[in-house]
Amino acid sequence: MFAVIKGAGDLASGIALRLSHSGFQIAMTEIAAPLSVRRTVCFSQAVYSGSCRVEDVTAVLVNSESRMRAAFAERQIAVFVDPAADIVKKYRPDILVDAIMAKKNTGTSITDAPVVIGIGPGFLAGADCHCVIETKRGHTLGRVITGANGKDAGALPNTGVPGDIGGYTSERLLRSPAEGVFRALASIGDVVRKGDTVALVRLAPGTADGEEEIPIRAEIDGMIRGLLPSGIRVKEGTKSGDIDPRCERSHCFTVSDKALAIGGGVLEGIFSRMELISGSG
């Protein structure tokens, strides 16, 4: 079965990993300059390097159907730079998963594929897609939400507060203090202390402060689990990194429990609607 996943960030990559392990052929779409901070577990990294590996699965950057099919023949994931996800109409997948995590529906329709799944808030099962997968940490994480009794249903609303890890929420995230060009001073897997400067943002020419570089400092002790690559242009408030207070190095290089749970929900959503796929042929 052929699945297209919109987005190739950490949650989308966890979904892709589980689908790949289950035998699906997978194409993913991304923007030209992805802002995934958990680069070591994101297939979006293929946009920058041409190929990348997350755990035991490889993804390659492609630009045509023939290259996509060649990737599938090697049991690889195909990644397209395709912000509008035009490949959905062009290649007509059996399954479409919208994992952009925009917190709103940016154009996915329930008619885009025999099975359409929305990830997180912003989608209504029965209207935008066949089902929605809950992304909020807690008791309902990974659950499959369907429109029942003729009523549309969606995931829990976005609170704007990151999930609690090791007793920390917003404090564990690194955000750009201004618009400019990001420069990392640390690496994923490094241990940092509260107050350490882990990156700089060089302000754009012509701003009031000229070429000044503004520091981004850690707000907690922990291990850098995610960090943007140097040279990326960021806006004020852009999520630029993630510090994990648990300091488990393996967590930096393996898909998270959250992503795996959501991936399991996607598999349930697909297999509970197999008749829609078989009926489409």
Protein backbone atom coordinates (compact mmCIF):
# COMPACT_ATOMS: atom_id res chain seq x y z
CA MET A 1 0.00 0.00 0.00
CA PHE A 2 1.12 3.49 -0.89
CA ALA A 3 0.93 6.26 1.72
CA VAL A 4 1.75 9.95 1.47
CA ILE A 5 2.60 11.79 4.68
CA LYS A 6 2.44 15.57 4.60
CA GLY A 7 5.33 16.82 6.72
CA ALA A 8 8.55 15.08 7.71
CA GLY A 9 9.17 16.42 11.23
CA ASP A 10 9.58 14.30 14.34
CA LEU A 11 5.96 13.17 14.73
CA ALA A 12 5.54 12.58 11.00
CA SER A 13 8.79 10.61 11.01
CA GLY A 14 7.61 8.43 13.89
CA ILE A 15 4.49 7.67 11.86
CA ALA A 16 6.61 6.91 8.78
CA LEU A 17 8.88 4.62 10.78
CA ARG A 18 5.97 2.50 12.02
CA LEU A 19 4.35 2.37 8.59
CA SER A 20 7.67 1.43 6.98
CA HIS A 21 8.14 -1.39 9.50
CA SER A 22 4.63 -2.57 8.55
CA GLY A 23 5.45 -2.80 4.84
CA PHE A 24 3.97 0.43 3.46
CA GLN A 25 5.53 2.37 0.58
CA ILE A 26 5.87 5.92 1.85
CA ALA A 27 6.39 9.32 0.28
CA MET A 28 6.73 12.42 2.46
CA THR A 29 6.41 16.08 1.53
CA GLU A 30 8.38 18.98 2.99
CA ILE A 31 9.15 22.66 2.57
CA ALA A 32 12.43 23.81 1.01
CA ALA A 33 13.99 24.78 4.37
CA PRO A 34 12.56 22.52 7.11
CA LEU A 35 12.65 23.80 10.70
CA SER A 36 12.73 20.43 12.45
CA VAL A 37 14.75 20.75 15.65
CA ARG A 38 14.93 17.00 16.37
CA ARG A 39 17.02 16.52 13.23
CA THR A 40 18.46 13.17 14.28
CA VAL A 41 14.99 11.57 14.15
CA CYS A 42 13.44 13.53 11.28
CA PHE A 43 13.27 12.40 7.67
CA SER A 44 13.13 16.09 6.75
CA GLN A 45 16.92 16.03 7.08
CA ALA A 46 17.01 14.39 3.64
CA VAL A 47 16.12 17.80 2.17
CA TYR A 48 19.49 19.14 3.33
CA SER A 49 21.72 16.09 2.91
CA GLY A 50 20.09 14.13 0.08
CA SER A 51 19.48 11.15 2.33
CA CYS A 52 19.18 10.42 6.03
CA ARG A 53 18.55 7.53 8.38
CA VAL A 54 16.20 7.40 11.35
CA GLU A 55 16.88 4.31 13.43
CA ASP A 56 16.89 1.50 10.84
CA VAL A 57 15.02 3.25 7.99
CA THR A 58 16.58 5.38 5.24
CA ALA A 59 14.91 8.25 3.38
CA VAL A 60 16.14 9.80 0.15
CA LEU A 61 15.32 13.10 -1.52
CA VAL A 62 13.55 12.57 -4.87
CA ASN A 63 11.94 14.74 -7.54
CA SER A 64 10.13 12.32 -9.83
CA GLU A 65 7.95 9.23 -9.83
CA SER A 66 10.76 7.09 -11.23
CA ARG A 67 13.08 8.11 -8.39
CA MET A 68 10.27 7.50 -5.89
CA ARG A 69 9.72 3.99 -7.28
CA ALA A 70 13.46 3.33 -7.14
CA ALA A 71 13.44 4.32 -3.46
CA PHE A 72 10.53 1.96 -2.80
CA ALA A 73 12.43 -0.86 -4.51
CA GLU A 74 15.21 -0.33 -1.95
CA ARG A 75 12.66 -0.23 0.90
CA GLN A 76 13.43 3.45 1.41
CA ILE A 77 11.16 6.42 2.09
CA ALA A 78 10.90 9.03 -0.68
CA VAL A 79 11.00 12.70 0.40
CA PHE A 80 9.76 15.43 -1.95
CA VAL A 81 10.23 19.17 -1.59
CA ASP A 82 6.53 19.83 -2.21
CA PRO A 83 4.97 22.38 0.16
CA ALA A 84 1.58 22.17 -1.57
CA ALA A 85 1.65 18.34 -1.56
CA ASP A 86 0.92 18.25 -5.29
CA ILE A 87 2.04 14.60 -5.39
CA VAL A 88 -1.25 13.65 -3.72
CA LYS A 89 -3.22 14.50 -6.86
CA LYS A 90 -0.42 13.39 -9.16
CA TYR A 91 0.25 9.92 -7.74
CA ARG A 92 -3.09 9.15 -6.00
CA PRO A 93 -2.00 7.34 -2.80
CA ASP A 94 -4.10 4.78 -0.95
CA ILE A 95 -3.57 6.69 2.29
CA LEU A 96 -2.95 10.33 3.10
CA VAL A 97 -1.73 11.41 6.53
CA ASP A 98 -1.58 15.14 7.28
CA ALA A 99 1.16 15.48 9.90
CA ILE A 100 2.22 19.06 9.19
CA MET A 101 1.18 19.99 12.74
CA ALA A 102 -0.05 23.43 11.68
CA LYS A 103 -2.84 23.26 14.31
CA LYS A 104 -5.27 23.90 11.46
CA ASN A 105 -6.26 22.26 8.20
CA THR A 106 -4.16 23.85 5.45
CA GLY A 107 -5.91 22.13 2.56
CA THR A 108 -6.44 18.42 3.26
CA SER A 109 -9.76 17.00 2.06
CA ILE A 110 -11.51 13.77 2.94
CA THR A 111 -11.68 13.05 -0.80
CA ASP A 112 -7.87 13.22 -1.31
CA ALA A 113 -7.44 9.45 -0.83
CA PRO A 114 -9.47 6.35 0.13
CA VAL A 115 -8.19 6.82 3.71
CA VAL A 116 -7.35 10.31 5.00
CA ILE A 117 -6.02 10.82 8.53
CA GLY A 118 -5.44 14.12 10.33
CA ILE A 119 -2.85 14.40 13.10
CA GLY A 120 -3.71 16.58 16.08
CA PRO A 121 -5.96 19.64 16.42
CA GLY A 122 -7.32 21.46 13.39
CA PHE A 123 -9.13 18.52 11.77
CA LEU A 124 -12.66 17.19 12.10
CA ALA A 125 -13.20 13.47 11.54
CA GLY A 126 -16.09 12.96 9.17
CA ALA A 127 -15.60 16.36 7.56
CA ASP A 128 -11.90 16.90 6.79
CA CYS A 129 -10.73 13.31 7.12
CA HIS A 130 -11.87 9.83 8.05
CA CYS A 131 -10.24 9.97 11.50
CA VAL A 132 -8.04 12.15 13.69
CA ILE A 133 -5.21 10.96 15.94
CA GLU A 134 -4.85 12.58 19.37
CA THR A 135 -1.43 14.20 19.91
CA LYS A 136 -1.78 15.67 23.39
CA ARG A 137 0.31 13.85 25.99
CA GLY A 138 -1.78 12.06 28.56
CA HIS A 139 -4.39 9.37 28.80
CA THR A 140 -5.75 9.82 25.25
CA LEU A 141 -2.43 10.14 23.37
CA GLY A 142 -2.55 8.14 20.13
CA ARG A 143 -6.27 7.41 20.26
CA VAL A 144 -8.25 7.23 17.01
CA ILE A 145 -11.08 9.77 16.88
CA THR A 146 -13.96 9.22 14.47
CA GLY A 147 -17.14 11.12 13.76
CA ALA A 148 -19.88 9.17 15.53
CA ASN A 149 -23.67 9.50 15.33
CA GLY A 150 -23.36 11.96 12.49
CA LYS A 151 -21.30 14.40 14.56
CA ASP A 152 -17.85 15.59 13.51
CA ALA A 153 -15.10 15.14 16.11
CA GLY A 154 -11.55 16.39 16.57
CA ALA A 155 -8.52 16.23 18.83
CA LEU A 156 -8.16 18.23 22.02
CA PRO A 157 -7.48 21.92 21.31
CA ASN A 158 -3.95 23.24 21.24
CA THR A 159 -3.02 24.82 24.59
CA GLY A 160 0.20 26.40 23.38
CA VAL A 161 2.02 24.76 26.30
CA PRO A 162 4.48 21.94 25.49
CA GLY A 163 3.99 18.60 27.19
CA ASP A 164 5.56 18.00 30.60
CA ILE A 165 8.91 16.19 30.44
CA GLY A 166 10.82 15.74 33.67
CA GLY A 167 8.69 18.41 35.34
CA TYR A 168 9.33 21.08 32.69
CA THR A 169 7.13 22.41 29.88
CA SER A 170 7.89 25.73 28.15
CA GLU A 171 11.23 26.07 29.93
CA ARG A 172 12.75 23.18 28.00
CA LEU A 173 12.24 24.82 24.60
CA LEU A 174 14.70 27.19 22.96
CA ARG A 175 13.15 29.96 20.87
CA SER A 176 14.69 32.62 18.69
CA PRO A 177 14.71 36.04 20.39
CA ALA A 178 14.63 37.88 17.05
CA GLU A 179 14.49 37.48 13.29
CA GLY A 180 17.80 36.62 11.71
CA VAL A 181 20.18 33.76 10.91
CA PHE A 182 20.61 30.95 13.44
CA ARG A 183 24.08 29.75 14.49
CA ALA A 184 24.44 26.75 16.77
CA LEU A 185 27.19 26.76 19.40
CA ALA A 186 26.34 23.32 20.78
CA SER A 187 25.38 19.95 19.33
CA ILE A 188 22.55 17.50 19.86
CA GLY A 189 23.57 15.24 22.74
CA ASP A 190 25.54 17.93 24.61
CA VAL A 191 24.83 18.47 28.31
CA VAL A 192 24.16 22.12 29.19
CA ARG A 193 23.48 24.12 32.32
CA LYS A 194 20.89 26.78 32.94
CA GLY A 195 22.24 30.06 31.56
CA ASP A 196 24.61 28.48 29.01
CA THR A 197 24.60 30.09 25.57
CA VAL A 198 23.76 27.31 23.13
CA ALA A 199 23.15 29.36 19.96
CA LEU A 200 23.20 32.85 18.49
CA VAL A 201 20.90 34.72 16.11
CA ARG A 202 22.59 37.20 13.78
CA LEU A 203 20.25 40.08 13.07
CA ALA A 204 19.48 40.95 9.46
CA PRO A 205 21.40 43.86 7.90
CA GLY A 206 19.58 47.16 8.19
CA THR A 207 18.01 46.45 11.56
CA ALA A 208 18.48 48.87 14.42
CA ASP A 209 21.19 46.71 15.93
CA GLY A 210 23.06 46.08 12.66
CA GLU A 211 24.94 42.75 12.61
CA GLU A 212 24.66 42.05 16.34
CA GLU A 213 24.30 38.43 17.41
CA ILE A 214 21.78 37.76 20.16
CA PRO A 215 22.35 34.72 22.41
CA ILE A 216 19.88 31.92 23.03
CA ARG A 217 20.44 30.56 26.53
CA ALA A 218 19.31 27.36 28.21
CA GLU A 219 16.59 27.90 30.82
CA ILE A 220 17.13 24.52 32.50
CA ASP A 221 19.87 21.95 33.04
CA GLY A 222 19.71 19.03 30.65
CA MET A 223 20.77 17.47 27.37
CA ILE A 224 20.18 19.07 23.99
CA ARG A 225 17.71 16.74 22.28
CA GLY A 226 17.04 18.99 19.30
CA LEU A 227 18.68 22.01 17.67
CA LEU A 228 18.31 23.75 14.33
CA PRO A 229 21.31 23.61 11.97
CA SER A 230 23.45 26.70 11.53
CA GLY A 231 22.55 28.98 8.64
CA ILE A 232 18.77 28.64 8.96
CA ARG A 233 16.79 31.89 8.80
CA VAL A 234 14.43 32.18 11.75
CA LYS A 235 11.73 34.54 12.91
CA GLU A 236 11.23 35.87 16.42
CA GLY A 237 9.75 33.08 18.50
CA THR A 238 10.77 30.26 16.14
CA LYS A 239 11.28 27.00 18.01
CA SER A 240 15.03 26.48 17.72
CA GLY A 241 15.88 23.70 20.15
CA ASP A 242 14.76 21.31 22.86
CA ILE A 243 16.48 20.49 26.16
CA ASP A 244 15.65 17.19 27.86
CA PRO A 245 16.13 17.25 31.65
CA ARG A 246 16.29 13.43 31.79
CA CYS A 247 19.73 13.44 30.11
CA GLU A 248 19.27 10.06 28.42
CA ARG A 249 21.53 10.22 25.36
CA SER A 250 19.61 7.48 23.54
CA HIS A 251 16.54 9.71 23.56
CA CYS A 252 18.36 12.12 21.22
CA PHE A 253 18.73 9.51 18.49
CA THR A 254 15.57 7.41 18.71
CA VAL A 255 11.95 8.19 17.90
CA SER A 256 10.01 9.40 20.94
CA ASP A 257 7.32 7.53 22.83
CA LYS A 258 4.86 10.21 21.70
CA ALA A 259 5.67 9.76 18.02
CA LEU A 260 5.45 5.98 18.29
CA ALA A 261 2.07 6.19 20.04
CA ILE A 262 0.73 8.47 17.32
CA GLY A 263 2.16 6.13 14.68
CA GLY A 264 0.29 3.26 16.30
CA GLY A 265 -2.91 5.28 16.13
CA VAL A 266 -2.35 5.88 12.43
CA LEU A 267 -1.91 2.14 11.84
CA GLU A 268 -5.17 1.46 13.70
CA GLY A 269 -6.91 4.12 11.65
CA ILE A 270 -5.67 2.57 8.41
CA PHE A 271 -6.40 -1.06 9.21
CA SER A 272 -9.87 -0.29 10.54
CA ARG A 273 -10.70 1.16 7.12
CA MET A 274 -9.06 -1.38 4.83
CA GLU A 275 -12.33 -1.90 2.95
CA LEU A 276 -12.06 1.71 1.71
CA ILE A 277 -8.66 0.94 0.19
CA SER A 278 -9.60 -2.38 -1.37
CA GLY A 279 -12.83 -0.89 -2.66
CA SER A 280 -10.97 1.96 -4.38
CA GLY A 281 -9.14 -0.35 -6.75
